[in-house]
Amino acid sequence: MIQIASPIIGDEEIEAVNNVLSSGMLAQGPKVSELEESFARYCGTKFAVAVNSGTAAIHAALFAAGVGPGDEVITTPFSFIATINPILFLGAKPVLVDIDPGTYNIDVEKVRGAITNKTKVILPVHLYGQPCDFNELQALADEHGIIIIEDACQAVGANYGDKKAGSLGNLGCFSLYATKNIMCGEGGVVTTDDEKQATIMKSFRQHGMVGPYEYAGIGYNYRMTDLHAAIAVAQLGKVDDFSLARQNNAKILSEGLANIKGLELPSVKQGRTHVYHQYTVRITPEFSITREQLMIALREKEIGSAIYYPKPLHAYSHIAKLGYQIGDFPNAEEAAEQVLSLPVHPRVSAEDLTSIIESIKDLSNAKS
């Protein structure tokens, strides 16, 4: 089976974990500090704070930005639920705006119309590994004095101009979940140039602690272990090679799948790089069979695929009750009905790519 995701665990990761086990320092310790220093250096920020998930990263970043009850956070309805839940954790209101149908990222022009005097943060998502239209978004944020927090959970290593994802906004959030471009099983990182924000997040991840059994306020157990950090440090050393492999695989897929009726391929906007956390196509009504039929047929050919995401966020009841309904965000809703992600990770071989391309070509001629 050609899997949709396949974590790469090499000798370096195994040795790093064994070294931590031998050291006896398993909880947050020197490996976490090493990861934070290395991650900040890689992204081009002054600070990085490691936590135990991408969700925790977004929660900590929003908290450090001062988000609380009565505040509004503008974000996208087309993302994983972890983008929006931390806004609700803090008692703030998620204000959704539709996406650009070409990149699946937030539509900056629609952001303009969503800003109110309660808007505290704009939370764009670099979906599938391509940065959003950041210069336009930054100009809008500067005009209104709004903080930008990047959800870069899928975009480690992606560039916008000469800057890396995570160094574009005031804070950048990353996930190190097992399926991400680099991973440690479970983990997250927040990047920032603001020392005060970094200090707040370090307290927040440890029950609000500011000294031995001294607490400044509410906090959570969001600490990363040295075991996870050791894996992440080893993975970070490979991130550029992993990204290049994904980009090469994406190029082969795009060349092989070009000009198939009803199949829309990923597009990359000028001045940025796409690191292809997912290689996501659209199965439009012009394709010979439905998306679901295509998935089943690919599975029968031992080719994995997945839908990211089958429902826009406003279709879930705890979001809908904020006043949203189907029809509010047509681009996101159409994307949810059409997108399909194909294997693109570094373990996908040349033979696998040929199999994916030839199978889809054959199925594009099938009768529904």
Protein backbone atom coordinates (compact mmCIF):
# COMPACT_ATOMS: atom_id res chain seq x y z
CA MET A 1 0.00 0.00 0.00
CA ILE A 2 1.29 3.45 -0.90
CA GLN A 3 0.44 5.28 2.31
CA ILE A 4 -0.80 8.84 2.42
CA ALA A 5 1.72 9.51 5.20
CA SER A 6 4.77 7.60 6.42
CA PRO A 7 7.02 8.94 9.20
CA ILE A 8 10.73 8.50 8.56
CA ILE A 9 12.58 7.25 11.63
CA GLY A 10 16.28 6.65 11.08
CA ASP A 11 19.29 5.66 13.13
CA GLU A 12 19.77 9.25 14.26
CA GLU A 13 16.34 9.41 15.89
CA ILE A 14 16.76 6.01 17.56
CA GLU A 15 20.20 6.91 18.89
CA ALA A 16 18.93 10.28 20.13
CA VAL A 17 16.11 8.63 22.09
CA ASN A 18 18.44 6.00 23.53
CA ASN A 19 20.81 8.74 24.68
CA VAL A 20 17.98 10.48 26.51
CA LEU A 21 16.89 7.22 28.11
CA SER A 22 20.46 6.59 29.27
CA SER A 23 20.76 10.11 30.65
CA GLY A 24 17.84 9.69 33.04
CA MET A 25 16.56 13.19 32.15
CA LEU A 26 13.29 12.35 30.44
CA ALA A 27 11.10 15.39 31.10
CA GLN A 28 11.66 18.91 29.83
CA GLY A 29 15.43 19.31 29.90
CA PRO A 30 18.48 20.02 27.74
CA LYS A 31 17.08 18.45 24.57
CA VAL A 32 14.04 20.72 24.72
CA SER A 33 16.35 23.72 25.04
CA GLU A 34 18.42 22.46 22.11
CA LEU A 35 15.32 22.08 19.98
CA GLU A 36 14.15 25.59 20.86
CA GLU A 37 17.50 27.13 19.96
CA SER A 38 17.77 25.15 16.72
CA PHE A 39 14.19 25.80 15.67
CA ALA A 40 14.46 29.54 16.25
CA ARG A 41 17.72 29.64 14.29
CA TYR A 42 16.17 27.67 11.42
CA CYS A 43 13.09 29.90 11.19
CA GLY A 44 15.05 33.11 11.66
CA THR A 45 13.42 34.20 14.92
CA LYS A 46 14.91 35.16 18.26
CA PHE A 47 12.92 32.67 20.32
CA ALA A 48 11.12 29.34 20.05
CA VAL A 49 9.06 27.67 22.76
CA ALA A 50 8.46 23.92 22.60
CA VAL A 51 5.15 22.45 23.75
CA ASN A 52 3.48 19.06 23.48
CA SER A 53 1.26 19.58 20.40
CA GLY A 54 0.38 21.94 17.61
CA THR A 55 -2.90 22.63 19.40
CA ALA A 56 -0.98 23.66 22.51
CA ALA A 57 1.21 25.88 20.32
CA ILE A 58 -1.80 27.79 18.97
CA HIS A 59 -3.34 28.01 22.46
CA ALA A 60 -0.09 29.33 23.98
CA ALA A 61 0.42 31.83 21.17
CA LEU A 62 -3.10 33.22 21.49
CA PHE A 63 -2.65 33.48 25.25
CA ALA A 64 0.69 35.29 24.84
CA ALA A 65 -1.03 37.71 22.44
CA GLY A 66 -3.49 38.57 25.21
CA VAL A 67 -6.57 37.01 23.62
CA GLY A 68 -9.49 36.61 26.02
CA PRO A 69 -13.26 36.96 26.42
CA GLY A 70 -14.76 39.61 24.18
CA ASP A 71 -11.93 39.50 21.66
CA GLU A 72 -12.33 38.41 18.05
CA VAL A 73 -9.87 36.28 16.09
CA ILE A 74 -10.20 36.21 12.31
CA THR A 75 -9.38 32.87 10.73
CA THR A 76 -10.35 30.44 8.00
CA PRO A 77 -13.21 27.93 7.91
CA PHE A 78 -11.05 25.47 5.93
CA SER A 79 -8.53 23.91 8.29
CA PHE A 80 -8.15 21.30 10.99
CA ILE A 81 -10.29 21.85 14.08
CA ALA A 82 -7.17 22.66 16.15
CA THR A 83 -6.97 26.04 14.41
CA ILE A 84 -10.25 27.19 15.91
CA ASN A 85 -10.70 25.33 19.20
CA PRO A 86 -7.96 27.25 21.08
CA ILE A 87 -9.79 30.50 20.28
CA LEU A 88 -12.80 29.05 22.06
CA PHE A 89 -10.63 27.78 24.95
CA LEU A 90 -9.84 31.42 25.74
CA GLY A 91 -13.43 32.61 25.53
CA ALA A 92 -12.84 34.60 22.36
CA LYS A 93 -14.94 34.57 19.20
CA PRO A 94 -13.65 33.04 15.96
CA VAL A 95 -14.62 35.24 13.03
CA LEU A 96 -14.46 33.20 9.84
CA VAL A 97 -13.80 34.48 6.32
CA ASP A 98 -13.73 32.49 3.11
CA ILE A 99 -10.69 31.13 1.29
CA ASP A 100 -8.91 31.78 -1.98
CA PRO A 101 -10.06 28.78 -4.05
CA GLY A 102 -6.67 28.53 -5.78
CA THR A 103 -4.45 28.19 -2.72
CA TYR A 104 -7.05 27.23 -0.07
CA ASN A 105 -5.57 29.94 2.16
CA ILE A 106 -7.50 32.80 3.73
CA ASP A 107 -8.76 35.45 1.29
CA VAL A 108 -7.14 38.68 2.43
CA GLU A 109 -9.72 40.92 0.77
CA LYS A 110 -12.44 39.20 2.76
CA VAL A 111 -10.40 39.69 5.94
CA ARG A 112 -10.67 43.46 5.45
CA GLY A 113 -14.44 43.33 5.70
CA ALA A 114 -14.35 41.19 8.86
CA ILE A 115 -12.26 43.55 11.00
CA THR A 116 -14.04 45.27 13.89
CA ASN A 117 -12.90 47.17 16.97
CA LYS A 118 -12.90 43.81 18.77
CA THR A 119 -10.42 42.15 16.40
CA LYS A 120 -7.32 41.21 18.40
CA VAL A 121 -5.64 38.65 16.14
CA ILE A 122 -5.64 37.41 12.56
CA LEU A 123 -4.82 33.70 12.44
CA PRO A 124 -4.03 32.64 8.86
CA VAL A 125 -3.24 29.02 8.01
CA HIS A 126 -0.49 28.11 5.54
CA LEU A 127 -2.61 25.22 4.36
CA TYR A 128 -1.01 22.12 2.84
CA GLY A 129 2.41 23.80 3.09
CA GLN A 130 2.06 27.03 1.06
CA PRO A 131 2.25 30.41 2.84
CA CYS A 132 -0.72 32.74 2.57
CA ASP A 133 -0.65 36.19 0.90
CA PHE A 134 1.33 37.61 3.77
CA ASN A 135 2.41 41.06 2.61
CA GLU A 136 -1.19 42.06 1.96
CA LEU A 137 -2.27 40.59 5.29
CA GLN A 138 0.52 42.38 7.17
CA ALA A 139 -0.39 45.73 5.62
CA LEU A 140 -3.96 45.22 6.76
CA ALA A 141 -2.87 44.23 10.28
CA ASP A 142 -0.54 47.22 10.54
CA GLU A 143 -3.32 49.55 9.44
CA HIS A 144 -5.54 48.37 12.30
CA GLY A 145 -2.95 47.47 14.96
CA ILE A 146 -3.77 43.75 14.87
CA ILE A 147 -1.48 40.87 15.85
CA ILE A 148 -0.83 38.10 13.30
CA ILE A 149 -0.32 34.54 14.52
CA GLU A 150 0.66 32.10 11.78
CA ASP A 151 -0.78 28.61 11.87
CA ALA A 152 2.28 27.14 10.16
CA CYS A 153 1.61 23.64 11.46
CA GLN A 154 1.80 22.25 7.92
CA ALA A 155 4.47 24.60 6.58
CA VAL A 156 7.79 24.05 8.32
CA GLY A 157 10.50 25.10 5.88
CA ALA A 158 8.20 27.00 3.51
CA ASN A 159 9.38 30.41 2.33
CA TYR A 160 7.57 33.65 1.60
CA GLY A 161 10.12 35.76 -0.21
CA ASP A 162 13.33 35.34 1.75
CA LYS A 163 11.60 34.65 5.06
CA LYS A 164 10.54 31.33 6.47
CA ALA A 165 7.10 30.46 7.75
CA GLY A 166 7.07 31.17 11.47
CA SER A 167 9.06 34.40 11.06
CA LEU A 168 6.41 36.31 9.13
CA GLY A 169 3.91 37.23 11.84
CA ASN A 170 4.19 38.17 15.50
CA LEU A 171 4.09 34.48 16.43
CA GLY A 172 4.26 31.25 14.42
CA CYS A 173 2.82 27.89 15.42
CA PHE A 174 4.08 24.49 14.30
CA SER A 175 2.98 20.89 14.82
CA LEU A 176 5.36 17.96 15.15
CA TYR A 177 2.62 15.34 14.96
CA ALA A 178 3.58 11.98 13.44
CA THR A 179 2.30 12.82 9.94
CA LYS A 180 3.88 16.26 9.61
CA ASN A 181 6.86 17.09 7.39
CA ILE A 182 9.11 16.74 10.44
CA MET A 183 7.77 15.06 13.52
CA CYS A 184 8.42 13.63 16.95
CA GLY A 185 5.17 11.70 17.41
CA GLU A 186 3.46 14.52 19.31
CA GLY A 187 4.82 18.00 19.77
CA GLY A 188 4.61 21.66 18.85
CA VAL A 189 6.71 24.82 18.70
CA VAL A 190 5.90 28.55 18.79
CA THR A 191 8.34 31.05 17.27
CA THR A 192 8.53 34.76 18.07
CA ASP A 193 10.91 37.71 18.21
CA ASP A 194 9.21 39.00 21.37
CA GLU A 195 11.00 37.97 24.57
CA LYS A 196 7.99 38.87 26.71
CA GLN A 197 5.73 36.60 24.67
CA ALA A 198 8.27 33.78 24.91
CA THR A 199 8.41 34.17 28.70
CA ILE A 200 4.62 34.13 28.95
CA MET A 201 4.41 30.93 26.92
CA LYS A 202 7.10 29.19 28.97
CA SER A 203 5.06 29.93 32.08
CA PHE A 204 1.79 28.97 30.35
CA ARG A 205 3.13 25.54 29.36
CA GLN A 206 4.02 24.77 32.98
CA HIS A 207 0.87 25.53 34.99
CA GLY A 208 1.58 29.28 34.98
CA MET A 209 4.77 28.78 37.00
CA VAL A 210 7.18 31.69 37.32
CA GLY A 211 9.37 30.24 40.08
CA PRO A 212 9.50 27.21 42.37
CA TYR A 213 5.84 26.73 43.33
CA GLU A 214 5.10 30.34 42.36
CA TYR A 215 2.30 30.87 39.83
CA ALA A 216 1.46 34.03 37.91
CA GLY A 217 -1.92 32.76 36.77
CA ILE A 218 -3.56 30.01 34.84
CA GLY A 219 -1.44 27.58 32.88
CA TYR A 220 -1.49 24.07 31.49
CA ASN A 221 0.70 20.99 31.43
CA TYR A 222 1.92 21.59 27.89
CA ARG A 223 5.55 20.63 28.45
CA MET A 224 7.49 18.68 25.84
CA THR A 225 9.59 15.72 26.98
CA ASP A 226 13.26 15.34 26.14
CA LEU A 227 12.37 12.08 24.40
CA HIS A 228 10.17 13.93 21.92
CA ALA A 229 12.63 16.81 21.62
CA ALA A 230 15.48 14.42 20.81
CA ILE A 231 13.52 13.03 17.85
CA ALA A 232 12.58 16.54 16.72
CA VAL A 233 16.19 17.77 16.82
CA ALA A 234 17.25 14.88 14.59
CA GLN A 235 14.33 15.54 12.23
CA LEU A 236 15.06 19.26 12.03
CA GLY A 237 18.48 18.42 10.60
CA LYS A 238 16.73 16.69 7.70
CA VAL A 239 13.93 19.16 7.03
CA ASP A 240 15.38 20.68 3.87
CA ASP A 241 16.05 17.24 2.36
CA PHE A 242 12.51 16.15 3.22
CA SER A 243 11.09 19.32 1.64
CA LEU A 244 13.11 18.83 -1.53
CA ALA A 245 11.89 15.24 -1.84
CA ARG A 246 8.27 16.37 -1.45
CA GLN A 247 8.75 19.14 -4.01
CA ASN A 248 10.33 16.76 -6.50
CA ASN A 249 7.52 14.24 -6.02
CA ALA A 250 4.93 17.01 -6.45
CA LYS A 251 6.61 18.13 -9.68
CA ILE A 252 6.46 14.60 -11.10
CA LEU A 253 2.81 14.24 -10.09
CA SER A 254 1.87 17.58 -11.64
CA GLU A 255 3.64 16.77 -14.89
CA GLY A 256 2.09 13.31 -15.05
CA LEU A 257 -1.44 14.39 -14.14
CA ALA A 258 -1.59 17.49 -16.34
CA ASN A 259 -4.53 18.07 -18.68
CA ILE A 260 -6.87 15.46 -17.22
CA LYS A 261 -10.45 16.68 -17.53
CA GLY A 262 -12.02 17.37 -14.16
CA LEU A 263 -8.74 17.15 -12.23
CA GLU A 264 -7.38 20.46 -10.87
CA LEU A 265 -3.79 20.37 -9.68
CA PRO A 266 -2.12 22.41 -6.92
CA SER A 267 -0.95 25.91 -7.81
CA VAL A 268 1.94 27.82 -6.26
CA LYS A 269 1.86 31.59 -6.13
CA GLN A 270 4.88 33.60 -7.19
CA GLY A 271 7.44 34.51 -4.55
CA ARG A 272 6.85 31.62 -2.21
CA THR A 273 7.71 27.95 -1.82
CA HIS A 274 5.32 25.09 -1.19
CA VAL A 275 6.61 22.25 1.01
CA TYR A 276 3.70 19.93 0.16
CA HIS A 277 2.60 18.66 3.51
CA GLN A 278 -0.20 17.49 1.25
CA TYR A 279 -0.41 17.24 -2.52
CA THR A 280 -4.04 18.19 -2.91
CA VAL A 281 -6.04 18.01 -6.12
CA ARG A 282 -9.68 18.83 -6.86
CA ILE A 283 -12.05 16.24 -8.30
CA THR A 284 -14.58 18.41 -10.09
CA PRO A 285 -17.89 17.27 -11.65
CA GLU A 286 -16.14 17.03 -15.04
CA PHE A 287 -14.03 14.09 -13.84
CA SER A 288 -15.27 10.70 -15.06
CA ILE A 289 -16.14 9.35 -11.60
CA THR A 290 -16.86 10.90 -8.20
CA ARG A 291 -14.23 11.65 -5.62
CA GLU A 292 -15.48 8.83 -3.40
CA GLN A 293 -15.43 6.37 -6.30
CA LEU A 294 -11.89 7.48 -7.10
CA MET A 295 -10.75 6.90 -3.52
CA ILE A 296 -12.22 3.40 -3.52
CA ALA A 297 -10.66 2.58 -6.88
CA LEU A 298 -7.25 3.86 -5.77
CA ARG A 299 -7.48 1.82 -2.57
CA GLU A 300 -8.15 -1.28 -4.66
CA LYS A 301 -4.92 -0.47 -6.49
CA GLU A 302 -3.08 -0.20 -3.13
CA ILE A 303 -2.84 3.60 -3.32
CA GLY A 304 -3.82 5.62 -0.27
CA SER A 305 -5.58 8.98 -0.45
CA ALA A 306 -7.38 11.20 2.05
CA ILE A 307 -9.70 14.19 2.29
CA TYR A 308 -8.32 17.20 4.17
CA TYR A 309 -10.94 18.38 5.08
CA PRO A 310 -14.35 16.75 4.47
CA LYS A 311 -16.29 19.50 6.27
CA PRO A 312 -15.58 23.20 6.70
CA LEU A 313 -15.32 24.26 10.32
CA HIS A 314 -18.61 26.15 10.39
CA ALA A 315 -20.42 22.88 9.62
CA TYR A 316 -19.60 21.56 13.12
CA SER A 317 -22.29 22.21 15.70
CA HIS A 318 -20.13 24.01 18.28
CA ILE A 319 -18.98 26.45 15.59
CA ALA A 320 -22.33 26.74 13.82
CA LYS A 321 -23.99 27.88 17.03
CA LEU A 322 -21.90 31.05 16.87
CA GLY A 323 -24.19 32.12 14.04
CA TYR A 324 -22.70 30.41 11.00
CA GLN A 325 -24.57 28.33 8.47
CA ILE A 326 -23.94 26.43 5.27
CA GLY A 327 -23.76 28.91 2.42
CA ASP A 328 -21.72 31.48 4.32
CA PHE A 329 -18.38 30.41 2.83
CA PRO A 330 -18.96 28.92 -0.63
CA ASN A 331 -15.30 28.54 -1.57
CA ALA A 332 -14.51 26.56 1.56
CA GLU A 333 -17.66 24.50 1.16
CA GLU A 334 -16.86 23.64 -2.45
CA ALA A 335 -13.28 22.74 -1.54
CA ALA A 336 -14.52 20.35 1.15
CA GLU A 337 -16.62 18.59 -1.48
CA GLN A 338 -13.82 18.32 -4.04
CA VAL A 339 -10.33 18.10 -2.50
CA LEU A 340 -8.34 14.88 -2.40
CA SER A 341 -4.76 14.47 -1.19
CA LEU A 342 -2.39 12.00 -2.83
CA PRO A 343 0.85 10.50 -1.45
CA VAL A 344 3.78 12.91 -1.83
CA HIS A 345 6.00 12.22 1.20
CA PRO A 346 9.70 11.30 0.86
CA ARG A 347 9.05 7.55 1.06
CA VAL A 348 7.04 7.68 -2.18
CA SER A 349 9.27 6.07 -4.80
CA ALA A 350 9.56 6.69 -8.53
CA GLU A 351 7.68 3.43 -9.07
CA ASP A 352 4.96 4.60 -6.68
CA LEU A 353 4.61 7.89 -8.54
CA THR A 354 4.24 6.07 -11.83
CA SER A 355 1.57 3.84 -10.30
CA ILE A 356 -0.38 6.84 -8.94
CA ILE A 357 -0.21 8.71 -12.26
CA GLU A 358 -1.12 5.75 -14.45
CA SER A 359 -3.94 4.66 -12.14
CA ILE A 360 -5.56 8.10 -12.13
CA LYS A 361 -5.15 8.39 -15.91
CA ASP A 362 -6.89 5.03 -16.34
CA LEU A 363 -9.66 5.99 -13.93
CA SER A 364 -10.14 9.34 -15.65
CA ASN A 365 -11.39 7.36 -18.62
CA ALA A 366 -13.70 5.19 -16.54
CA LYS A 367 -17.47 5.36 -16.73
CA SER A 368 -19.40 6.23 -13.58
